[in-house]
Amino acid sequence: MKLYVCWGTFGGDWHHCQRAHAALTEAGHDPEVVKVHGWGVLPDVFNPGRKEVVELTGEKWVPVLVTDTGEVVNPTKEIVAWAKANPAGAAA
């Protein structure tokens, strides 16, 4: 699975990327973290790393989770809910 984040998974509970990453790791997942940098409100020229995020979601905002089955999950609250509902090692 891949978790697309802004600059990292730092910060406290206020940071969306950190909350999504924490929920996944607490559920036993070890996502590949893809740092896309930039900031969603900026023009595309300042967000070249977010091209794949736009292709996946139609938007520049992160975090975005792509599961091992190819499911795209966003925004943060949906990623947190997905992690709670899909702990690592649970039967499919």
C-alpha atoms as a PDB file:
ATOM      1  CA  MET A   1       0.000   0.000   0.000  1.00  0.00           C
ATOM      2  CA  LYS A   2       1.031   3.592  -0.562  1.00  0.00           C
ATOM      3  CA  LEU A   3       0.231   6.636   1.517  1.00  0.00           C
ATOM      4  CA  TYR A   4       0.738   9.921  -0.311  1.00  0.00           C
ATOM      5  CA  VAL A   5       1.592  12.732   2.113  1.00  0.00           C
ATOM      6  CA  CYS A   6       2.752  16.345   1.866  1.00  0.00           C
ATOM      7  CA  TRP A   7       6.235  16.701   3.374  1.00  0.00           C
ATOM      8  CA  GLY A   8       6.088  13.879   5.906  1.00  0.00           C
ATOM      9  CA  THR A   9       4.217  12.282   8.761  1.00  0.00           C
ATOM     10  CA  PHE A  10       5.350  14.765  11.413  1.00  0.00           C
ATOM     11  CA  GLY A  11       3.207  16.914  13.616  1.00  0.00           C
ATOM     12  CA  GLY A  12       0.542  16.161  16.107  1.00  0.00           C
ATOM     13  CA  ASP A  13      -3.089  15.229  15.769  1.00  0.00           C
ATOM     14  CA  TRP A  14      -3.680  18.490  13.865  1.00  0.00           C
ATOM     15  CA  HIS A  15      -1.711  17.291  10.826  1.00  0.00           C
ATOM     16  CA  HIS A  16      -3.794  15.259   8.360  1.00  0.00           C
ATOM     17  CA  CYS A  17      -0.887  13.264   6.972  1.00  0.00           C
ATOM     18  CA  GLN A  18       0.288  12.333  10.462  1.00  0.00           C
ATOM     19  CA  ARG A  19      -3.225  11.245  11.518  1.00  0.00           C
ATOM     20  CA  ALA A  20      -3.607   9.004   8.482  1.00  0.00           C
ATOM     21  CA  HIS A  21      -0.159   7.459   8.951  1.00  0.00           C
ATOM     22  CA  ALA A  22      -0.738   6.916  12.687  1.00  0.00           C
ATOM     23  CA  ALA A  23      -4.075   5.186  12.045  1.00  0.00           C
ATOM     24  CA  LEU A  24      -2.489   2.834   9.516  1.00  0.00           C
ATOM     25  CA  THR A  25       0.486   1.958  11.717  1.00  0.00           C
ATOM     26  CA  GLU A  26      -1.750   1.477  14.770  1.00  0.00           C
ATOM     27  CA  ALA A  27      -3.755  -0.989  12.658  1.00  0.00           C
ATOM     28  CA  GLY A  28      -0.533  -2.884  11.935  1.00  0.00           C
ATOM     29  CA  HIS A  29       0.108  -1.626   8.412  1.00  0.00           C
ATOM     30  CA  ASP A  30       3.482  -0.416   7.131  1.00  0.00           C
ATOM     31  CA  PRO A  31       2.577   1.793   4.164  1.00  0.00           C
ATOM     32  CA  GLU A  32       5.103   3.032   1.643  1.00  0.00           C
ATOM     33  CA  VAL A  33       5.117   6.778   2.331  1.00  0.00           C
ATOM     34  CA  VAL A  34       5.299   8.887  -0.833  1.00  0.00           C
ATOM     35  CA  LYS A  35       6.173  12.531  -0.146  1.00  0.00           C
ATOM     36  CA  VAL A  36       4.621  14.759  -2.803  1.00  0.00           C
ATOM     37  CA  HIS A  37       5.631  18.110  -1.253  1.00  0.00           C
ATOM     38  CA  GLY A  38       3.987  21.374  -2.298  1.00  0.00           C
ATOM     39  CA  TRP A  39       0.672  22.634  -0.959  1.00  0.00           C
ATOM     40  CA  GLY A  40      -2.742  21.946  -2.477  1.00  0.00           C
ATOM     41  CA  VAL A  41      -3.749  25.590  -2.872  1.00  0.00           C
ATOM     42  CA  LEU A  42      -0.713  26.468  -4.981  1.00  0.00           C
ATOM     43  CA  PRO A  43      -0.709  26.377  -8.803  1.00  0.00           C
ATOM     44  CA  ASP A  44       0.404  23.144 -10.464  1.00  0.00           C
ATOM     45  CA  VAL A  45       3.826  24.601 -11.310  1.00  0.00           C
ATOM     46  CA  PHE A  46       4.570  24.560  -7.555  1.00  0.00           C
ATOM     47  CA  ASN A  47       3.084  21.086  -7.059  1.00  0.00           C
ATOM     48  CA  PRO A  48       4.797  18.836  -9.622  1.00  0.00           C
ATOM     49  CA  GLY A  49       4.958  15.936  -7.151  1.00  0.00           C
ATOM     50  CA  ARG A  50       1.187  15.894  -6.809  1.00  0.00           C
ATOM     51  CA  LYS A  51       0.508  14.881 -10.415  1.00  0.00           C
ATOM     52  CA  GLU A  52      -0.121  11.245  -9.453  1.00  0.00           C
ATOM     53  CA  VAL A  53      -2.444  12.346  -6.622  1.00  0.00           C
ATOM     54  CA  VAL A  54      -4.462  14.381  -9.136  1.00  0.00           C
ATOM     55  CA  GLU A  55      -4.614  11.381 -11.470  1.00  0.00           C
ATOM     56  CA  LEU A  56      -5.900   9.214  -8.599  1.00  0.00           C
ATOM     57  CA  THR A  57      -8.414  11.620  -7.067  1.00  0.00           C
ATOM     58  CA  GLY A  58      -8.941  14.597  -9.348  1.00  0.00           C
ATOM     59  CA  GLU A  59      -7.624  16.837  -6.556  1.00  0.00           C
ATOM     60  CA  LYS A  60      -4.226  17.971  -5.236  1.00  0.00           C
ATOM     61  CA  TRP A  61      -4.999  17.302  -1.565  1.00  0.00           C
ATOM     62  CA  VAL A  62      -3.258  14.671   0.537  1.00  0.00           C
ATOM     63  CA  PRO A  63      -3.202  12.317   2.352  1.00  0.00           C
ATOM     64  CA  VAL A  64      -4.331   9.685  -0.130  1.00  0.00           C
ATOM     65  CA  LEU A  65      -4.151   5.961   0.514  1.00  0.00           C
ATOM     66  CA  VAL A  66      -3.859   3.410  -2.275  1.00  0.00           C
ATOM     67  CA  THR A  67      -4.433  -0.067  -0.867  1.00  0.00           C
ATOM     68  CA  ASP A  68      -2.776  -3.244  -2.096  1.00  0.00           C
ATOM     69  CA  THR A  69      -5.969  -3.992  -4.057  1.00  0.00           C
ATOM     70  CA  GLY A  70      -5.840  -0.592  -5.791  1.00  0.00           C
ATOM     71  CA  GLU A  71      -8.626   1.026  -3.773  1.00  0.00           C
ATOM     72  CA  VAL A  72      -8.116   4.791  -3.425  1.00  0.00           C
ATOM     73  CA  VAL A  73      -9.127   6.157  -0.025  1.00  0.00           C
ATOM     74  CA  ASN A  74      -9.293   9.821   0.986  1.00  0.00           C
ATOM     75  CA  PRO A  75      -9.763  12.198   2.808  1.00  0.00           C
ATOM     76  CA  THR A  76      -8.139  11.670   6.208  1.00  0.00           C
ATOM     77  CA  LYS A  77     -11.292  10.621   8.066  1.00  0.00           C
ATOM     78  CA  GLU A  78     -11.926   7.929   5.454  1.00  0.00           C
ATOM     79  CA  ILE A  79      -8.339   6.660   5.729  1.00  0.00           C
ATOM     80  CA  VAL A  80      -8.696   6.460   9.516  1.00  0.00           C
ATOM     81  CA  ALA A  81     -12.006   4.600   9.177  1.00  0.00           C
ATOM     82  CA  TRP A  82     -10.486   2.242   6.587  1.00  0.00           C
ATOM     83  CA  ALA A  83      -7.552   1.464   8.905  1.00  0.00           C
ATOM     84  CA  LYS A  84      -9.893   0.660  11.812  1.00  0.00           C
ATOM     85  CA  ALA A  85     -12.052  -1.563   9.607  1.00  0.00           C
ATOM     86  CA  ASN A  86      -9.072  -3.312   7.951  1.00  0.00           C
ATOM     87  CA  PRO A  87      -6.410  -4.186  10.520  1.00  0.00           C
ATOM     88  CA  ALA A  88      -3.312  -5.895   9.159  1.00  0.00           C
ATOM     89  CA  GLY A  89      -3.483  -9.666   9.307  1.00  0.00           C
ATOM     90  CA  ALA A  90      -7.289  -9.767   9.353  1.00  0.00           C
ATOM     91  CA  ALA A  91      -8.949 -12.326   7.095  1.00  0.00           C
ATOM     92  CA  ALA A  92      -9.984 -10.880   3.756  1.00  0.00           C
END
